[in-house]
Amino acid sequence: MPTGQVPGRGRSVDRLAYNAKMPSIMLFEPEIPPNTGNLIRLCANTGTQLHLVEPLGFSLSEKAVRRAGLDYHALTHVHRHVDLDQARAAAPGRLLAFSTRGTTRYDRVDYRADDVLLFGPETRGLPDEVIESLPTSQRLYLPMAPGSRSLNLANAAAVAFFEAWRQLNFMGAK
């Protein structure tokens, strides 16, 4: 098992084991480094996989990503993919697309361990063709107050992920 540095602690630890008993998170063309960094940290601490679909709006070596969580990269399972087709081949489970244009509220889904939670770019969301390629039951949204535009990407992904994991009885957690 590979080792990595515990952020801020200067000691080596084993890479956290991938937990196949929970969904994966997939970011389609993420643009803001701290959001991706925060999700790297979430994935490191839960044992789930993070799939990043290019093009990325930043370099994974940028200071802002490192500060927000890239230093957890050695402890987690982050995969880069050149496009959505390649990402889907690597993560072939049921795709659940999260969008303000979703039709099913996120807590009205029966989540499965093989689910892939897909989130779009921060400034524009998922392309219509991606959303429209899925059944309406797989086009999800998080409720918000009337007149709200959107939630922060990292916050939305964390809310959705923890609901899915909760439904799976936090399998693999201590």
Protein backbone atom coordinates (compact mmCIF):
# COMPACT_ATOMS: atom_id res chain seq x y z
CA MET A 1 0.00 0.00 0.00
CA PRO A 2 1.49 3.39 -0.95
CA THR A 3 2.28 5.90 1.73
CA GLY A 4 1.85 9.63 1.85
CA GLN A 5 2.49 12.56 4.15
CA VAL A 6 -0.18 13.52 6.62
CA PRO A 7 -0.81 17.21 5.88
CA GLY A 8 0.87 19.43 8.45
CA ARG A 9 2.19 16.48 10.42
CA GLY A 10 5.32 15.47 8.49
CA ARG A 11 4.81 11.75 9.04
CA SER A 12 4.07 8.99 6.58
CA VAL A 13 0.87 6.99 6.68
CA ASP A 14 -0.65 4.32 4.51
CA ARG A 15 -2.90 5.49 1.70
CA LEU A 16 -6.48 5.23 2.79
CA ALA A 17 -8.15 2.18 1.33
CA TYR A 18 -10.65 2.66 -1.46
CA ASN A 19 -14.11 1.79 -0.15
CA ALA A 20 -16.02 -0.01 -2.90
CA LYS A 21 -19.15 0.11 -0.73
CA MET A 22 -19.90 3.73 -1.59
CA PRO A 23 -20.47 5.92 -4.64
CA SER A 24 -17.74 7.81 -6.49
CA ILE A 25 -17.68 11.54 -7.16
CA MET A 26 -17.04 12.84 -10.68
CA LEU A 27 -16.33 16.48 -11.57
CA PHE A 28 -16.91 17.48 -15.19
CA GLU A 29 -14.48 20.23 -16.20
CA PRO A 30 -14.02 21.78 -12.73
CA GLU A 31 -12.83 25.40 -12.77
CA ILE A 32 -12.10 26.53 -9.21
CA PRO A 33 -9.06 24.97 -7.48
CA PRO A 34 -10.27 25.15 -3.85
CA ASN A 35 -13.48 23.26 -4.70
CA THR A 36 -11.51 20.38 -6.18
CA GLY A 37 -9.06 20.52 -3.29
CA ASN A 38 -11.88 20.32 -0.76
CA LEU A 39 -13.32 17.30 -2.55
CA ILE A 40 -9.91 15.63 -2.65
CA ARG A 41 -9.86 16.00 1.11
CA LEU A 42 -13.41 14.64 1.44
CA CYS A 43 -12.50 11.63 -0.70
CA ALA A 44 -9.30 11.01 1.28
CA ASN A 45 -11.26 10.97 4.53
CA THR A 46 -14.08 8.75 3.28
CA GLY A 47 -12.16 6.36 1.03
CA THR A 48 -14.15 7.16 -2.09
CA GLN A 49 -12.77 7.84 -5.56
CA LEU A 50 -12.71 11.23 -7.26
CA HIS A 51 -12.82 11.36 -11.06
CA LEU A 52 -11.81 14.60 -12.79
CA VAL A 53 -12.91 15.10 -16.40
CA GLU A 54 -10.68 17.42 -18.44
CA PRO A 55 -10.16 20.10 -19.34
CA LEU A 56 -9.52 21.33 -15.82
CA GLY A 57 -9.67 25.08 -15.26
CA PHE A 58 -6.41 24.93 -13.28
CA SER A 59 -3.26 22.93 -12.76
CA LEU A 60 -3.35 20.32 -10.03
CA SER A 61 -0.08 21.78 -8.80
CA GLU A 62 -1.55 25.23 -8.13
CA LYS A 63 -1.05 26.52 -4.61
CA ALA A 64 -4.76 27.07 -4.08
CA VAL A 65 -5.54 23.40 -4.73
CA ARG A 66 -2.69 22.25 -2.50
CA ARG A 67 -3.86 24.54 0.29
CA ALA A 68 -7.44 23.29 0.06
CA GLY A 69 -6.64 19.60 -0.08
CA LEU A 70 -4.23 18.50 -2.74
CA ASP A 71 -1.76 17.61 -0.01
CA TYR A 72 -4.24 14.81 0.70
CA HIS A 73 -3.68 13.57 -2.85
CA ALA A 74 -1.15 10.99 -1.63
CA LEU A 75 -3.82 9.58 0.66
CA THR A 76 -6.69 9.31 -1.81
CA HIS A 77 -7.73 7.94 -5.18
CA VAL A 78 -7.93 10.74 -7.77
CA HIS A 79 -8.26 9.88 -11.45
CA ARG A 80 -7.94 12.27 -14.42
CA HIS A 81 -9.78 11.53 -17.65
CA VAL A 82 -9.46 13.25 -21.03
CA ASP A 83 -13.22 13.24 -21.57
CA LEU A 84 -16.50 11.99 -20.17
CA ASP A 85 -16.41 8.79 -22.25
CA GLN A 86 -13.07 7.79 -20.74
CA ALA A 87 -14.35 8.67 -17.26
CA ARG A 88 -17.47 6.54 -17.76
CA ALA A 89 -15.34 3.59 -18.88
CA ALA A 90 -13.34 3.89 -15.64
CA ALA A 91 -16.44 4.43 -13.47
CA PRO A 92 -19.24 2.46 -15.18
CA GLY A 93 -21.88 2.56 -12.42
CA ARG A 94 -25.22 4.35 -12.57
CA LEU A 95 -24.62 8.01 -13.41
CA LEU A 96 -26.50 10.55 -11.28
CA ALA A 97 -26.19 14.08 -12.63
CA PHE A 98 -26.61 16.94 -10.14
CA SER A 99 -27.90 20.21 -11.55
CA THR A 100 -30.16 23.14 -10.75
CA ARG A 101 -32.04 21.81 -13.81
CA GLY A 102 -32.53 18.39 -12.20
CA THR A 103 -35.99 16.85 -11.92
CA THR A 104 -35.62 14.51 -8.91
CA ARG A 105 -34.75 15.74 -5.43
CA TYR A 106 -31.48 14.19 -4.26
CA ASP A 107 -32.97 12.55 -1.15
CA ARG A 108 -35.67 10.74 -3.13
CA VAL A 109 -33.21 8.36 -4.76
CA ASP A 110 -32.28 4.90 -3.54
CA TYR A 111 -28.51 5.14 -3.78
CA ARG A 112 -26.32 2.18 -4.70
CA ALA A 113 -22.67 1.48 -4.01
CA ASP A 114 -21.82 1.68 -7.72
CA ASP A 115 -23.37 5.12 -8.25
CA VAL A 116 -21.30 7.90 -9.80
CA LEU A 117 -22.28 11.37 -8.57
CA LEU A 118 -21.62 13.80 -11.43
CA PHE A 119 -21.24 17.56 -10.97
CA GLY A 120 -20.62 20.20 -13.63
CA PRO A 121 -18.36 23.24 -13.87
CA GLU A 122 -18.95 25.93 -11.28
CA THR A 123 -19.82 28.75 -13.70
CA ARG A 124 -22.10 26.92 -16.12
CA GLY A 125 -23.13 23.51 -14.74
CA LEU A 126 -23.44 20.35 -16.77
CA PRO A 127 -24.08 20.66 -20.50
CA ASP A 128 -27.68 20.07 -21.60
CA GLU A 129 -26.64 17.07 -23.71
CA VAL A 130 -25.20 15.31 -20.65
CA ILE A 131 -28.31 15.94 -18.54
CA GLU A 132 -30.72 15.08 -21.35
CA SER A 133 -28.93 11.78 -22.05
CA LEU A 134 -30.09 10.46 -18.67
CA PRO A 135 -33.51 9.32 -17.48
CA THR A 136 -35.30 11.98 -15.43
CA SER A 137 -34.87 9.80 -12.31
CA GLN A 138 -31.08 10.28 -12.66
CA ARG A 139 -31.21 14.08 -13.03
CA LEU A 140 -30.97 15.25 -9.44
CA TYR A 141 -31.14 18.58 -7.65
CA LEU A 142 -30.56 19.91 -4.15
CA PRO A 143 -33.39 22.11 -2.81
CA MET A 144 -32.65 25.80 -2.30
CA ALA A 145 -34.54 28.90 -1.27
CA PRO A 146 -36.55 30.57 -4.06
CA GLY A 147 -34.43 32.93 -6.15
CA SER A 148 -31.16 31.17 -5.31
CA ARG A 149 -28.78 30.58 -8.19
CA SER A 150 -26.68 27.61 -7.10
CA LEU A 151 -24.75 26.04 -4.24
CA ASN A 152 -20.98 25.88 -4.01
CA LEU A 153 -19.72 22.82 -5.90
CA ALA A 154 -17.78 21.29 -2.99
CA ASN A 155 -20.70 21.84 -0.60
CA ALA A 156 -23.22 20.35 -3.02
CA ALA A 157 -21.03 17.31 -3.66
CA ALA A 158 -20.50 16.77 0.08
CA VAL A 159 -24.25 16.99 0.81
CA ALA A 160 -25.07 14.54 -1.98
CA PHE A 161 -22.25 12.14 -1.14
CA PHE A 162 -23.12 11.95 2.55
CA GLU A 163 -26.81 11.33 1.77
CA ALA A 164 -25.79 8.46 -0.50
CA TRP A 165 -23.37 7.06 2.07
CA ARG A 166 -25.96 7.46 4.86
CA GLN A 167 -28.45 5.41 2.84
CA LEU A 168 -25.74 2.76 2.47
CA ASN A 169 -25.41 2.74 6.29
CA PHE A 170 -21.96 4.36 6.13
CA MET A 171 -20.52 1.04 4.96
CA GLY A 172 -16.79 0.86 5.52
CA ALA A 173 -16.68 3.69 8.08
CA LYS A 174 -15.54 3.35 11.63
